[in-house]
PDB file of N, CA and C in Angstrom:
ATOM      1  N   MET A   1     175.765  85.452 109.182  1.00  0.00           N
ATOM      2  CA  MET A   1     174.632  86.345 109.079  1.00  0.00           C
ATOM      3  C   MET A   1     173.414  85.759 109.797  1.00  0.00           C
ATOM      4  N   LYS A   2     173.226  84.437 109.688  1.00  0.00           N
ATOM      5  CA  LYS A   2     172.063  83.818 110.296  1.00  0.00           C
ATOM      6  C   LYS A   2     172.121  83.884 111.817  1.00  0.00           C
ATOM      7  N   GLU A   3     173.297  83.717 112.394  1.00  0.00           N
ATOM      8  CA  GLU A   3     173.437  83.804 113.851  1.00  0.00           C
ATOM      9  C   GLU A   3     173.100  85.213 114.336  1.00  0.00           C
ATOM     10  N   TRP A   4     173.592  86.202 113.623  1.00  0.00           N
ATOM     11  CA  TRP A   4     173.314  87.595 113.977  1.00  0.00           C
ATOM     12  C   TRP A   4     171.809  87.857 113.925  1.00  0.00           C
ATOM     13  N   TRP A   5     171.152  87.353 112.893  1.00  0.00           N
ATOM     14  CA  TRP A   5     169.710  87.567 112.742  1.00  0.00           C
ATOM     15  C   TRP A   5     168.933  86.889 113.868  1.00  0.00           C
ATOM     16  N   ASN A   6     169.333  85.688 114.245  1.00  0.00           N
ATOM     17  CA  ASN A   6     168.650  84.977 115.328  1.00  0.00           C
ATOM     18  C   ASN A   6     168.826  85.701 116.666  1.00  0.00           C
ATOM     19  N   ARG A   7     170.010  86.246 116.932  1.00  0.00           N
ATOM     20  CA  ARG A   7     170.225  87.005 118.165  1.00  0.00           C
ATOM     21  C   ARG A   7     169.373  88.264 118.183  1.00  0.00           C
ATOM     22  N   LYS A   8     169.305  88.942 117.057  1.00  0.00           N
ATOM     23  CA  LYS A   8     168.505  90.165 116.970  1.00  0.00           C
ATOM     24  C   LYS A   8     167.027  89.855 117.164  1.00  0.00           C
ATOM     25  N   LYS A   9     166.552  88.786 116.568  1.00  0.00           N
ATOM     26  CA  LYS A   9     165.156  88.390 116.685  1.00  0.00           C
ATOM     27  C   LYS A   9     164.824  88.020 118.132  1.00  0.00           C
ATOM     28  N   ALA A  10     165.719  87.332 118.806  1.00  0.00           N
ATOM     29  CA  ALA A  10     165.496  86.948 120.199  1.00  0.00           C
ATOM     30  C   ALA A  10     165.440  88.184 121.093  1.00  0.00           C
ATOM     31  N   ARG A  11     166.291  89.165 120.829  1.00  0.00           N
ATOM     32  CA  ARG A  11     166.291  90.397 121.615  1.00  0.00           C
ATOM     33  C   ARG A  11     164.983  91.174 121.448  1.00  0.00           C
ATOM     34  N   THR A  12     164.492  91.278 120.243  1.00  0.00           N
ATOM     35  CA  THR A  12     163.252  92.023 120.010  1.00  0.00           C
ATOM     36  C   THR A  12     162.050  91.287 120.584  1.00  0.00           C
ATOM     37  N   ARG A  13     162.084  89.975 120.591  1.00  0.00           N
ATOM     38  CA  ARG A  13     160.984  89.214 121.198  1.00  0.00           C
ATOM     39  C   ARG A  13     160.933  89.461 122.697  1.00  0.00           C
ATOM     40  N   LYS A  14     162.092  89.502 123.348  1.00  0.00           N
ATOM     41  CA  LYS A  14     162.131  89.770 124.786  1.00  0.00           C
ATOM     42  C   LYS A  14     161.609  91.168 125.078  1.00  0.00           C
ATOM     43  N   ALA A  15     161.947  92.123 124.248  1.00  0.00           N
ATOM     44  CA  ALA A  15     161.499  93.501 124.461  1.00  0.00           C
ATOM     45  C   ALA A  15     159.990  93.620 124.278  1.00  0.00           C
ATOM     46  N   ARG A  16     159.434  92.868 123.359  1.00  0.00           N
ATOM     47  CA  ARG A  16     157.992  92.942 123.100  1.00  0.00           C
ATOM     48  C   ARG A  16     157.166  92.257 124.179  1.00  0.00           C
ATOM     49  N   LYS A  17     157.731  91.293 124.881  1.00  0.00           N
ATOM     50  CA  LYS A  17     156.966  90.557 125.886  1.00  0.00           C
ATOM     51  C   LYS A  17     156.524  91.467 127.028  1.00  0.00           C
ATOM     52  N   GLY A  18     157.325  92.445 127.422  1.00  0.00           N
ATOM     53  CA  GLY A  18     156.992  93.316 128.540  1.00  0.00           C
ATOM     54  C   GLY A  18     156.113  94.491 128.159  1.00  0.00           C
ATOM     55  N   LYS A  19     155.789  94.666 126.909  1.00  0.00           N
ATOM     56  CA  LYS A  19     155.035  95.842 126.464  1.00  0.00           C
ATOM     57  C   LYS A  19     153.571  95.807 126.899  1.00  0.00           C
ATOM     58  N   GLY A  20     152.970  94.664 127.080  1.00  0.00           N
ATOM     59  CA  GLY A  20     151.559  94.576 127.387  1.00  0.00           C
ATOM     60  C   GLY A  20     151.236  94.674 128.872  1.00  0.00           C
ATOM     61  N   ARG A  21     152.229  94.867 129.712  1.00  0.00           N
ATOM     62  CA  ARG A  21     151.998  94.885 131.153  1.00  0.00           C
ATOM     63  C   ARG A  21     151.507  96.251 131.608  1.00  0.00           C
ATOM     64  N   TYR A  22     150.656  96.266 132.604  1.00  0.00           N
ATOM     65  CA  TYR A  22     150.112  97.490 133.196  1.00  0.00           C
ATOM     66  C   TYR A  22     150.963  97.809 134.414  1.00  0.00           C
ATOM     67  N   THR A  23     151.713  98.890 134.349  1.00  0.00           N
ATOM     68  CA  THR A  23     152.666  99.208 135.400  1.00  0.00           C
ATOM     69  C   THR A  23     152.069 100.186 136.404  1.00  0.00           C
ATOM     70  N   PHE A  24     152.809 100.417 137.460  1.00  0.00           N
ATOM     71  CA  PHE A  24     152.382 101.352 138.499  1.00  0.00           C
ATOM     72  C   PHE A  24     152.313 102.776 137.964  1.00  0.00           C
ATOM     73  N   SER A  25     153.223 103.122 137.080  1.00  0.00           N
ATOM     74  CA  SER A  25     153.185 104.466 136.495  1.00  0.00           C
ATOM     75  C   SER A  25     151.951 104.639 135.614  1.00  0.00           C
ATOM     76  N   ASP A  26     151.527 103.583 134.936  1.00  0.00           N
ATOM     77  CA  ASP A  26     150.278 103.645 134.160  1.00  0.00           C
ATOM     78  C   ASP A  26     149.091 103.907 135.078  1.00  0.00           C
ATOM     79  N   LEU A  27     149.084 103.267 136.225  1.00  0.00           N
ATOM     80  CA  LEU A  27     148.021 103.473 137.201  1.00  0.00           C
ATOM     81  C   LEU A  27     147.996 104.920 137.680  1.00  0.00           C
ATOM     82  N   LEU A  28     149.165 105.473 137.990  1.00  0.00           N
ATOM     83  CA  LEU A  28     149.226 106.855 138.455  1.00  0.00           C
ATOM     84  C   LEU A  28     148.724 107.833 137.403  1.00  0.00           C
ATOM     85  N   VAL A  29     149.072 107.610 136.163  1.00  0.00           N
ATOM     86  CA  VAL A  29     148.605 108.489 135.085  1.00  0.00           C
ATOM     87  C   VAL A  29     147.090 108.386 134.943  1.00  0.00           C
ATOM     88  N   ASP A  30     146.555 107.180 135.018  1.00  0.00           N
ATOM     89  CA  ASP A  30     145.107 107.001 134.935  1.00  0.00           C
ATOM     90  C   ASP A  30     144.392 107.713 136.079  1.00  0.00           C
ATOM     91  N   VAL A  31     144.927 107.586 137.280  1.00  0.00           N
ATOM     92  CA  VAL A  31     144.318 108.241 138.442  1.00  0.00           C
ATOM     93  C   VAL A  31     144.375 109.754 138.292  1.00  0.00           C
ATOM     94  N   MET A  32     145.479 110.268 137.774  1.00  0.00           N
ATOM     95  CA  MET A  32     145.613 111.717 137.598  1.00  0.00           C
ATOM     96  C   MET A  32     144.599 112.246 136.579  1.00  0.00           C
ATOM     97  N   PHE A  33     144.210 111.433 135.615  1.00  0.00           N
ATOM     98  CA  PHE A  33     143.204 111.858 134.649  1.00  0.00           C
ATOM     99  C   PHE A  33     141.787 111.703 135.196  1.00  0.00           C
ATOM    100  N   TRP A  34     141.537 110.686 136.015  1.00  0.00           N
ATOM    101  CA  TRP A  34     140.180 110.413 136.471  1.00  0.00           C
ATOM    102  C   TRP A  34     139.750 111.269 137.648  1.00  0.00           C
ATOM    103  N   ILE A  35     140.656 111.672 138.525  1.00  0.00           N
ATOM    104  CA  ILE A  35     140.275 112.470 139.695  1.00  0.00           C
ATOM    105  C   ILE A  35     139.610 113.782 139.298  1.00  0.00           C
ATOM    106  N   PRO A  36     140.166 114.578 138.390  1.00  0.00           N
ATOM    107  CA  PRO A  36     139.467 115.811 138.000  1.00  0.00           C
ATOM    108  C   PRO A  36     138.113 115.535 137.360  1.00  0.00           C
ATOM    109  N   GLU A  37     138.014 114.459 136.598  1.00  0.00           N
ATOM    110  CA  GLU A  37     136.735 114.128 135.974  1.00  0.00           C
ATOM    111  C   GLU A  37     135.692 113.784 137.032  1.00  0.00           C
ATOM    112  N   LEU A  38     136.074 113.028 138.037  1.00  0.00           N
ATOM    113  CA  LEU A  38     135.123 112.646 139.085  1.00  0.00           C
ATOM    114  C   LEU A  38     134.700 113.847 139.924  1.00  0.00           C
ATOM    115  N   ILE A  39     135.584 114.819 140.082  1.00  0.00           N
ATOM    116  CA  ILE A  39     135.244 116.018 140.849  1.00  0.00           C
ATOM    117  C   ILE A  39     134.344 116.942 140.034  1.00  0.00           C
ATOM    118  N   LEU A  40     134.635 117.102 138.758  1.00  0.00           N
ATOM    119  CA  LEU A  40     133.888 118.052 137.934  1.00  0.00           C
ATOM    120  C   LEU A  40     132.569 117.505 137.403  1.00  0.00           C
ATOM    121  N   LEU A  41     132.392 116.207 137.331  1.00  0.00           N
ATOM    122  CA  LEU A  41     131.169 115.632 136.775  1.00  0.00           C
ATOM    123  C   LEU A  41     129.909 116.060 137.533  1.00  0.00           C
ATOM    124  N   PRO A  42     129.869 115.990 138.867  1.00  0.00           N
ATOM    125  CA  PRO A  42     128.656 116.442 139.563  1.00  0.00           C
ATOM    126  C   PRO A  42     128.380 117.934 139.346  1.00  0.00           C
ATOM    127  N   LEU A  43     129.424 118.733 139.253  1.00  0.00           N
ATOM    128  CA  LEU A  43     129.237 120.161 139.003  1.00  0.00           C
ATOM    129  C   LEU A  43     128.644 120.393 137.618  1.00  0.00           C
ATOM    130  N   ARG A  44     129.125 119.654 136.641  1.00  0.00           N
ATOM    131  CA  ARG A  44     128.584 119.784 135.283  1.00  0.00           C
ATOM    132  C   ARG A  44     127.131 119.343 135.211  1.00  0.00           C
ATOM    133  N   ILE A  45     126.815 118.251 135.869  1.00  0.00           N
ATOM    134  CA  ILE A  45     125.438 117.750 135.848  1.00  0.00           C
ATOM    135  C   ILE A  45     124.497 118.747 136.500  1.00  0.00           C
ATOM    136  N   SER A  46     124.899 119.297 137.651  1.00  0.00           N
ATOM    137  CA  SER A  46     124.029 120.272 138.314  1.00  0.00           C
ATOM    138  C   SER A  46     123.889 121.530 137.459  1.00  0.00           C
ATOM    139  N   TYR A  47     124.936 121.955 136.784  1.00  0.00           N
ATOM    140  CA  TYR A  47     124.853 123.118 135.896  1.00  0.00           C
ATOM    141  C   TYR A  47     123.866 122.860 134.756  1.00  0.00           C
ATOM    142  N   TRP A  48     123.947 121.687 134.143  1.00  0.00           N
ATOM    143  CA  TRP A  48     123.042 121.351 133.043  1.00  0.00           C
ATOM    144  C   TRP A  48     121.595 121.294 133.518  1.00  0.00           C
ATOM    145  N   MET A  49     121.389 120.736 134.724  1.00  0.00           N
ATOM    146  CA  MET A  49     120.024 120.647 135.248  1.00  0.00           C
ATOM    147  C   MET A  49     119.458 122.027 135.547  1.00  0.00           C
ATOM    148  N   LEU A  50     120.246 122.900 136.182  1.00  0.00           N
ATOM    149  CA  LEU A  50     119.775 124.247 136.482  1.00  0.00           C
ATOM    150  C   LEU A  50     119.539 125.047 135.205  1.00  0.00           C
ATOM    151  N   ARG A  51     120.398 124.881 134.238  1.00  0.00           N
ATOM    152  CA  ARG A  51     120.236 125.579 132.970  1.00  0.00           C
ATOM    153  C   ARG A  51     118.956 125.118 132.260  1.00  0.00           C
ATOM    154  N   GLY A  52     118.728 123.818 132.240  1.00  0.00           N
ATOM    155  CA  GLY A  52     117.519 123.281 131.627  1.00  0.00           C
ATOM    156  C   GLY A  52     116.265 123.718 132.356  1.00  0.00           C
ATOM    157  N   LEU A  53     116.323 123.742 133.689  1.00  0.00           N
ATOM    158  CA  LEU A  53     115.185 124.185 134.491  1.00  0.00           C
ATOM    159  C   LEU A  53     114.908 125.671 134.234  1.00  0.00           C
ATOM    160  N   GLY A  54     115.969 126.458 134.118  1.00  0.00           N
ATOM    161  CA  GLY A  54     115.808 127.878 133.823  1.00  0.00           C
ATOM    162  C   GLY A  54     115.185 128.106 132.460  1.00  0.00           C
ATOM    163  N   ARG A  55     115.601 127.344 131.484  1.00  0.00           N
ATOM    164  CA  ARG A  55     115.013 127.476 130.147  1.00  0.00           C
ATOM    165  C   ARG A  55     113.552 127.041 130.145  1.00  0.00           C
ATOM    166  N   LEU A  56     113.240 126.000 130.896  1.00  0.00           N
ATOM    167  CA  LEU A  56     111.860 125.525 130.998  1.00  0.00           C
ATOM    168  C   LEU A  56     110.973 126.589 131.641  1.00  0.00           C
ATOM    169  N   ILE A  57     111.439 127.170 132.730  1.00  0.00           N
ATOM    170  CA  ILE A  57     110.676 128.229 133.384  1.00  0.00           C
ATOM    171  C   ILE A  57     110.555 129.454 132.476  1.00  0.00           C
ATOM    172  N   GLY A  58     111.618 129.770 131.743  1.00  0.00           N
ATOM    173  CA  GLY A  58     111.577 130.895 130.812  1.00  0.00           C
ATOM    174  C   GLY A  58     110.571 130.691 129.681  1.00  0.00           C
ATOM    175  N   GLU A  59     110.407 129.463 129.256  1.00  0.00           N
ATOM    176  CA  GLU A  59     109.437 129.169 128.198  1.00  0.00           C
ATOM    177  C   GLU A  59     108.000 129.245 128.709  1.00  0.00           C
ATOM    178  N   ILE A  60     107.786 128.914 129.957  1.00  0.00           N
ATOM    179  CA  ILE A  60     106.431 128.922 130.534  1.00  0.00           C
ATOM    180  C   ILE A  60     105.936 130.356 130.694  1.00  0.00           C
ATOM    181  N   PHE A  61     106.798 131.234 131.192  1.00  0.00           N
ATOM    182  CA  PHE A  61     106.367 132.616 131.449  1.00  0.00           C
ATOM    183  C   PHE A  61     106.649 133.465 130.269  1.00  0.00           C
TER     184      PHE A  61
END
């Protein structure tokens, strides 16, 4: 029983060692999430600025 347990423990340790690595597929997923954000962020900022400017002008008149 002890030999079986030691083999099982060694196998799980090997499997856990590779879990913390940042792979190429992780990079691709990150890029796929960040590209739309980088494209839409300037549009959102300009929308917020125009909306705020419109409300400011609306309050003045």
